PDB file of N, CA and C in Angstrom:
ATOM      1  N   MET A   1      41.072  46.381  59.379  1.00  0.00           N
ATOM      2  CA  MET A   1      42.128  46.494  60.193  1.00  0.00           C
ATOM      3  C   MET A   1      43.451  46.665  59.061  1.00  0.00           C
ATOM      4  N   MET A   2      44.197  47.692  59.606  1.00  0.00           N
ATOM      5  CA  MET A   2      45.261  48.147  58.664  1.00  0.00           C
ATOM      6  C   MET A   2      46.329  46.975  58.712  1.00  0.00           C
ATOM      7  N   GLU A   3      46.879  46.872  57.529  1.00  0.00           N
ATOM      8  CA  GLU A   3      48.139  45.968  57.257  1.00  0.00           C
ATOM      9  C   GLU A   3      48.928  46.616  56.412  1.00  0.00           C
ATOM     10  N   ILE A   4      50.366  46.655  56.846  1.00  0.00           N
ATOM     11  CA  ILE A   4      51.429  47.278  56.164  1.00  0.00           C
ATOM     12  C   ILE A   4      52.412  46.229  55.755  1.00  0.00           C
ATOM     13  N   LEU A   5      52.983  46.151  54.645  1.00  0.00           N
ATOM     14  CA  LEU A   5      53.779  45.461  53.831  1.00  0.00           C
ATOM     15  C   LEU A   5      55.216  45.995  53.918  1.00  0.00           C
ATOM     16  N   GLY A   6      56.075  45.228  54.428  1.00  0.00           N
ATOM     17  CA  GLY A   6      57.431  45.366  54.478  1.00  0.00           C
ATOM     18  C   GLY A   6      58.023  44.336  53.423  1.00  0.00           C
ATOM     19  N   GLU A   7      59.191  44.668  52.706  1.00  0.00           N
ATOM     20  CA  GLU A   7      59.803  43.938  51.507  1.00  0.00           C
ATOM     21  C   GLU A   7      61.282  43.991  51.642  1.00  0.00           C
ATOM     22  N   SER A   8      62.043  43.074  51.162  1.00  0.00           N
ATOM     23  CA  SER A   8      63.385  42.971  51.212  1.00  0.00           C
ATOM     24  C   SER A   8      63.821  42.004  49.766  1.00  0.00           C
ATOM     25  N   GLY A   9      64.969  42.354  49.239  1.00  0.00           N
ATOM     26  CA  GLY A   9      65.342  41.450  48.453  1.00  0.00           C
ATOM     27  C   GLY A   9      64.643  41.463  47.182  1.00  0.00           C
ATOM     28  N   GLY A  10      63.942  42.792  46.813  1.00  0.00           N
ATOM     29  CA  GLY A  10      63.294  42.980  45.647  1.00  0.00           C
ATOM     30  C   GLY A  10      61.976  42.046  45.584  1.00  0.00           C
ATOM     31  N   GLY A  11      61.557  41.722  46.883  1.00  0.00           N
ATOM     32  CA  GLY A  11      60.175  41.052  47.174  1.00  0.00           C
ATOM     33  C   GLY A  11      60.581  39.435  47.533  1.00  0.00           C
ATOM     34  N   LEU A  12      61.674  39.048  47.674  1.00  0.00           N
ATOM     35  CA  LEU A  12      62.165  37.700  48.076  1.00  0.00           C
ATOM     36  C   LEU A  12      61.391  37.525  49.500  1.00  0.00           C
ATOM     37  N   VAL A  13      61.425  38.308  50.341  1.00  0.00           N
ATOM     38  CA  VAL A  13      60.797  38.327  51.668  1.00  0.00           C
ATOM     39  C   VAL A  13      59.860  39.674  51.749  1.00  0.00           C
ATOM     40  N   LYS A  14      58.745  38.940  52.269  1.00  0.00           N
ATOM     41  CA  LYS A  14      57.584  39.899  52.726  1.00  0.00           C
ATOM     42  C   LYS A  14      57.179  40.006  53.966  1.00  0.00           C
ATOM     43  N   VAL A  15      57.101  40.876  54.848  1.00  0.00           N
ATOM     44  CA  VAL A  15      56.360  40.913  56.103  1.00  0.00           C
ATOM     45  C   VAL A  15      55.149  41.773  56.132  1.00  0.00           C
ATOM     46  N   VAL A  16      54.154  41.161  56.874  1.00  0.00           N
ATOM     47  CA  VAL A  16      52.972  42.151  56.929  1.00  0.00           C
ATOM     48  C   VAL A  16      52.897  42.288  58.440  1.00  0.00           C
ATOM     49  N   VAL A  17      52.718  43.483  58.874  1.00  0.00           N
ATOM     50  CA  VAL A  17      52.371  43.807  60.346  1.00  0.00           C
ATOM     51  C   VAL A  17      51.074  44.682  60.403  1.00  0.00           C
ATOM     52  N   SER A  18      50.473  44.666  61.585  1.00  0.00           N
ATOM     53  CA  SER A  18      49.322  45.581  61.659  1.00  0.00           C
ATOM     54  C   SER A  18      49.525  46.769  61.872  1.00  0.00           C
ATOM     55  N   GLY A  19      48.647  47.740  62.022  1.00  0.00           N
ATOM     56  CA  GLY A  19      48.697  49.235  62.314  1.00  0.00           C
ATOM     57  C   GLY A  19      49.432  49.300  63.612  1.00  0.00           C
ATOM     58  N   ASN A  20      49.252  48.497  64.532  1.00  0.00           N
ATOM     59  CA  ASN A  20      50.031  48.282  65.784  1.00  0.00           C
ATOM     60  C   ASN A  20      51.324  47.750  65.794  1.00  0.00           C
ATOM     61  N   GLN A  21      51.789  47.318  64.823  1.00  0.00           N
ATOM     62  CA  GLN A  21      53.194  46.746  64.391  1.00  0.00           C
ATOM     63  C   GLN A  21      53.217  45.460  64.836  1.00  0.00           C
ATOM     64  N   GLU A  22      52.097  44.781  65.028  1.00  0.00           N
ATOM     65  CA  GLU A  22      52.221  43.183  65.393  1.00  0.00           C
ATOM     66  C   GLU A  22      52.247  42.471  64.179  1.00  0.00           C
ATOM     67  N   PRO A  23      53.137  41.634  64.343  1.00  0.00           N
ATOM     68  CA  PRO A  23      53.592  40.652  63.000  1.00  0.00           C
ATOM     69  C   PRO A  23      52.235  39.868  62.615  1.00  0.00           C
ATOM     70  N   ARG A  24      51.703  39.792  61.647  1.00  0.00           N
ATOM     71  CA  ARG A  24      50.692  39.048  60.862  1.00  0.00           C
ATOM     72  C   ARG A  24      51.053  37.900  60.151  1.00  0.00           C
ATOM     73  N   ARG A  25      52.139  38.259  59.189  1.00  0.00           N
ATOM     74  CA  ARG A  25      52.590  37.025  58.480  1.00  0.00           C
ATOM     75  C   ARG A  25      53.802  37.229  57.786  1.00  0.00           C
ATOM     76  N   VAL A  26      54.545  36.106  57.242  1.00  0.00           N
ATOM     77  CA  VAL A  26      55.965  36.278  56.733  1.00  0.00           C
ATOM     78  C   VAL A  26      55.783  35.383  55.381  1.00  0.00           C
ATOM     79  N   GLU A  27      56.081  35.914  54.225  1.00  0.00           N
ATOM     80  CA  GLU A  27      56.136  35.211  52.939  1.00  0.00           C
ATOM     81  C   GLU A  27      57.421  35.097  52.605  1.00  0.00           C
ATOM     82  N   ILE A  28      58.074  33.867  52.232  1.00  0.00           N
ATOM     83  CA  ILE A  28      59.173  33.740  51.940  1.00  0.00           C
ATOM     84  C   ILE A  28      59.425  32.948  50.458  1.00  0.00           C
ATOM     85  N   SER A  29      60.118  33.712  49.618  1.00  0.00           N
ATOM     86  CA  SER A  29      60.007  33.200  48.360  1.00  0.00           C
ATOM     87  C   SER A  29      60.999  31.923  48.287  1.00  0.00           C
ATOM     88  N   PRO A  30      60.572  30.587  47.441  1.00  0.00           N
ATOM     89  CA  PRO A  30      61.686  29.642  47.278  1.00  0.00           C
ATOM     90  C   PRO A  30      62.948  30.085  46.933  1.00  0.00           C
ATOM     91  N   ASP A  31      63.235  31.133  46.085  1.00  0.00           N
ATOM     92  CA  ASP A  31      64.397  31.681  45.642  1.00  0.00           C
ATOM     93  C   ASP A  31      65.282  32.266  46.803  1.00  0.00           C
ATOM     94  N   ALA A  32      64.332  32.749  47.915  1.00  0.00           N
ATOM     95  CA  ALA A  32      65.171  33.238  49.110  1.00  0.00           C
ATOM     96  C   ALA A  32      65.705  32.030  49.770  1.00  0.00           C
ATOM     97  N   LEU A  33      64.977  30.855  49.819  1.00  0.00           N
ATOM     98  CA  LEU A  33      65.449  29.715  50.771  1.00  0.00           C
ATOM     99  C   LEU A  33      66.762  29.190  50.068  1.00  0.00           C
ATOM    100  N   ALA A  34      67.001  29.309  48.626  1.00  0.00           N
ATOM    101  CA  ALA A  34      68.201  28.989  48.035  1.00  0.00           C
ATOM    102  C   ALA A  34      69.465  29.761  48.524  1.00  0.00           C
ATOM    103  N   GLU A  35      69.127  30.802  49.145  1.00  0.00           N
ATOM    104  CA  GLU A  35      70.116  31.955  49.370  1.00  0.00           C
ATOM    105  C   GLU A  35      70.992  31.409  50.605  1.00  0.00           C
ATOM    106  N   GLY A  36      70.385  30.242  51.554  1.00  0.00           N
ATOM    107  CA  GLY A  36      71.144  30.073  52.505  1.00  0.00           C
ATOM    108  C   GLY A  36      70.577  30.762  53.966  1.00  0.00           C
ATOM    109  N   ALA A  37      70.858  30.333  55.035  1.00  0.00           N
ATOM    110  CA  ALA A  37      70.246  30.666  56.299  1.00  0.00           C
ATOM    111  C   ALA A  37      70.631  32.210  56.660  1.00  0.00           C
ATOM    112  N   ASP A  38      71.921  32.382  56.514  1.00  0.00           N
ATOM    113  CA  ASP A  38      72.630  33.715  56.787  1.00  0.00           C
ATOM    114  C   ASP A  38      71.813  34.913  56.165  1.00  0.00           C
ATOM    115  N   ILE A  39      71.721  34.612  54.788  1.00  0.00           N
ATOM    116  CA  ILE A  39      71.246  35.782  53.807  1.00  0.00           C
ATOM    117  C   ILE A  39      69.803  35.801  54.120  1.00  0.00           C
ATOM    118  N   LEU A  40      69.081  34.604  54.208  1.00  0.00           N
ATOM    119  CA  LEU A  40      67.533  34.556  54.676  1.00  0.00           C
ATOM    120  C   LEU A  40      67.224  35.329  55.877  1.00  0.00           C
ATOM    121  N   SER A  41      68.176  35.089  57.011  1.00  0.00           N
ATOM    122  CA  SER A  41      68.018  35.777  58.286  1.00  0.00           C
ATOM    123  C   SER A  41      68.012  37.518  57.921  1.00  0.00           C
ATOM    124  N   ASP A  42      69.060  37.855  57.256  1.00  0.00           N
ATOM    125  CA  ASP A  42      69.262  39.272  56.847  1.00  0.00           C
ATOM    126  C   ASP A  42      68.132  39.725  55.937  1.00  0.00           C
ATOM    127  N   LEU A  43      67.524  39.020  55.245  1.00  0.00           N
ATOM    128  CA  LEU A  43      66.334  39.559  54.298  1.00  0.00           C
ATOM    129  C   LEU A  43      65.070  39.725  55.190  1.00  0.00           C
ATOM    130  N   VAL A  44      64.832  38.642  56.032  1.00  0.00           N
ATOM    131  CA  VAL A  44      63.821  38.805  57.038  1.00  0.00           C
ATOM    132  C   VAL A  44      63.807  39.944  57.860  1.00  0.00           C
ATOM    133  N   ALA A  45      65.220  40.213  58.350  1.00  0.00           N
ATOM    134  CA  ALA A  45      65.229  41.426  59.260  1.00  0.00           C
ATOM    135  C   ALA A  45      65.039  42.525  58.516  1.00  0.00           C
ATOM    136  N   ALA A  46      65.537  42.741  57.259  1.00  0.00           N
ATOM    137  CA  ALA A  46      65.317  43.700  56.428  1.00  0.00           C
ATOM    138  C   ALA A  46      63.933  44.022  56.239  1.00  0.00           C
ATOM    139  N   ALA A  47      63.165  43.024  55.826  1.00  0.00           N
ATOM    140  CA  ALA A  47      61.863  43.244  55.677  1.00  0.00           C
ATOM    141  C   ALA A  47      61.012  43.847  56.828  1.00  0.00           C
ATOM    142  N   MET A  48      61.415  43.381  57.921  1.00  0.00           N
ATOM    143  CA  MET A  48      60.630  43.680  59.223  1.00  0.00           C
ATOM    144  C   MET A  48      61.010  45.093  59.425  1.00  0.00           C
ATOM    145  N   LYS A  49      62.216  45.620  59.122  1.00  0.00           N
ATOM    146  CA  LYS A  49      62.349  47.012  59.389  1.00  0.00           C
ATOM    147  C   LYS A  49      61.797  47.852  58.359  1.00  0.00           C
ATOM    148  N   ASP A  50      61.662  47.424  57.426  1.00  0.00           N
ATOM    149  CA  ASP A  50      60.922  48.106  56.082  1.00  0.00           C
ATOM    150  C   ASP A  50      59.511  48.180  56.488  1.00  0.00           C
ATOM    151  N   ALA A  51      58.802  47.043  57.194  1.00  0.00           N
ATOM    152  CA  ALA A  51      57.582  47.255  57.625  1.00  0.00           C
ATOM    153  C   ALA A  51      57.254  48.264  58.821  1.00  0.00           C
ATOM    154  N   TYR A  52      58.288  48.184  59.720  1.00  0.00           N
ATOM    155  CA  TYR A  52      58.276  48.956  60.898  1.00  0.00           C
ATOM    156  C   TYR A  52      58.300  50.432  60.363  1.00  0.00           C
ATOM    157  N   GLU A  53      59.448  50.622  59.605  1.00  0.00           N
ATOM    158  CA  GLU A  53      59.408  52.211  59.260  1.00  0.00           C
ATOM    159  C   GLU A  53      58.274  52.697  58.460  1.00  0.00           C
ATOM    160  N   LYS A  54      57.549  51.787  57.683  1.00  0.00           N
ATOM    161  CA  LYS A  54      56.518  52.322  56.871  1.00  0.00           C
ATOM    162  C   LYS A  54      55.137  52.557  57.828  1.00  0.00           C
ATOM    163  N   SER A  55      55.040  51.625  59.001  1.00  0.00           N
ATOM    164  CA  SER A  55      54.079  51.990  59.938  1.00  0.00           C
ATOM    165  C   SER A  55      54.322  53.118  60.954  1.00  0.00           C
ATOM    166  N   THR A  56      55.461  53.212  61.349  1.00  0.00           N
ATOM    167  CA  THR A  56      55.780  54.456  62.119  1.00  0.00           C
ATOM    168  C   THR A  56      55.498  55.802  61.114  1.00  0.00           C
ATOM    169  N   GLY A  57      55.826  55.689  59.828  1.00  0.00           N
ATOM    170  CA  GLY A  57      55.629  56.912  59.119  1.00  0.00           C
ATOM    171  C   GLY A  57      54.187  57.213  58.964  1.00  0.00           C
ATOM    172  N   ILE A  58      53.243  55.935  58.748  1.00  0.00           N
ATOM    173  CA  ILE A  58      51.929  56.055  58.760  1.00  0.00           C
ATOM    174  C   ILE A  58      51.267  56.768  59.799  1.00  0.00           C
ATOM    175  N   MET A  59      51.632  56.074  61.187  1.00  0.00           N
ATOM    176  CA  MET A  59      51.169  56.568  62.191  1.00  0.00           C
ATOM    177  C   MET A  59      51.475  58.269  62.559  1.00  0.00           C
ATOM    178  N   ARG A  60      52.671  58.478  62.256  1.00  0.00           N
ATOM    179  CA  ARG A  60      53.133  59.911  62.392  1.00  0.00           C
ATOM    180  C   ARG A  60      52.278  60.917  61.631  1.00  0.00           C
ATOM    181  N   GLU A  61      52.130  60.347  60.151  1.00  0.00           N
ATOM    182  CA  GLU A  61      51.020  61.179  59.439  1.00  0.00           C
ATOM    183  C   GLU A  61      49.734  61.282  60.022  1.00  0.00           C
ATOM    184  N   ARG A  62      49.303  60.308  60.660  1.00  0.00           N
ATOM    185  CA  ARG A  62      47.931  60.415  60.951  1.00  0.00           C
ATOM    186  C   ARG A  62      47.816  61.210  62.310  1.00  0.00           C
ATOM    187  N   MET A  63      48.835  61.134  63.063  1.00  0.00           N
ATOM    188  CA  MET A  63      48.843  61.794  64.518  1.00  0.00           C
ATOM    189  C   MET A  63      48.920  63.548  63.720  1.00  0.00           C
ATOM    190  N   GLU A  64      49.646  63.862  62.868  1.00  0.00           N
ATOM    191  CA  GLU A  64      49.793  65.104  62.392  1.00  0.00           C
ATOM    192  C   GLU A  64      48.543  65.656  61.803  1.00  0.00           C
ATOM    193  N   ASP A  65      47.704  64.774  61.237  1.00  0.00           N
ATOM    194  CA  ASP A  65      46.415  65.181  60.556  1.00  0.00           C
ATOM    195  C   ASP A  65      45.458  65.345  61.544  1.00  0.00           C
ATOM    196  N   LEU A  66      45.687  64.462  62.694  1.00  0.00           N
ATOM    197  CA  LEU A  66      44.594  64.696  63.934  1.00  0.00           C
ATOM    198  C   LEU A  66      44.946  65.999  64.753  1.00  0.00           C
ATOM    199  N   THR A  67      46.239  66.361  64.678  1.00  0.00           N
ATOM    200  CA  THR A  67      46.606  67.595  65.625  1.00  0.00           C
ATOM    201  C   THR A  67      47.129  68.615  64.874  1.00  0.00           C
ATOM    202  N   GLY A  68      46.890  68.619  63.378  1.00  0.00           N
ATOM    203  CA  GLY A  68      47.348  69.664  62.652  1.00  0.00           C
ATOM    204  C   GLY A  68      46.801  71.209  63.083  1.00  0.00           C
ATOM    205  N   GLY A  69      45.677  71.168  63.530  1.00  0.00           N
ATOM    206  CA  GLY A  69      45.148  72.413  63.906  1.00  0.00           C
ATOM    207  C   GLY A  69      45.261  72.921  65.429  1.00  0.00           C
ATOM    208  N   LEU A  70      45.934  71.999  66.019  1.00  0.00           N
ATOM    209  CA  LEU A  70      46.124  72.131  67.535  1.00  0.00           C
ATOM    210  C   LEU A  70      47.510  72.561  67.955  1.00  0.00           C
ATOM    211  N   ASN A  71      47.709  73.415  68.690  1.00  0.00           N
ATOM    212  CA  ASN A  71      49.073  73.836  69.113  1.00  0.00           C
ATOM    213  C   ASN A  71      49.439  73.223  70.517  1.00  0.00           C
ATOM    214  N   LEU A  72      49.637  71.757  70.449  1.00  0.00           N
ATOM    215  CA  LEU A  72      49.970  71.069  71.556  1.00  0.00           C
ATOM    216  C   LEU A  72      51.429  70.753  71.710  1.00  0.00           C
ATOM    217  N   PRO A  73      51.758  71.185  73.088  1.00  0.00           N
ATOM    218  CA  PRO A  73      53.249  71.042  73.281  1.00  0.00           C
ATOM    219  C   PRO A  73      53.639  69.686  73.236  1.00  0.00           C
ATOM    220  N   GLY A  74      54.996  69.361  72.855  1.00  0.00           N
ATOM    221  CA  GLY A  74      55.473  68.107  72.722  1.00  0.00           C
ATOM    222  C   GLY A  74      55.096  67.368  71.390  1.00  0.00           C
ATOM    223  N   LEU A  75      54.248  67.874  70.618  1.00  0.00           N
ATOM    224  CA  LEU A  75      53.992  67.007  69.253  1.00  0.00           C
ATOM    225  C   LEU A  75      54.468  67.708  68.134  1.00  0.00           C
TER     226      LEU A  75
END
């Protein structure tokens, strides 16, 4: 099963999602906890966005590989 890692704050927060963009786990550094709730919330959101963007990029590349030789309308 594919797992994609998203990070923020230089690795303070890490989010892992599946290839289907399902959340798998969140890792929060003790240093991130010291930043306070508002900053921690922003770091988690940024790590989730990073994982999402990486996931959609990988899926787009795979679709291009699969359809590369085909002239399909709309792709």
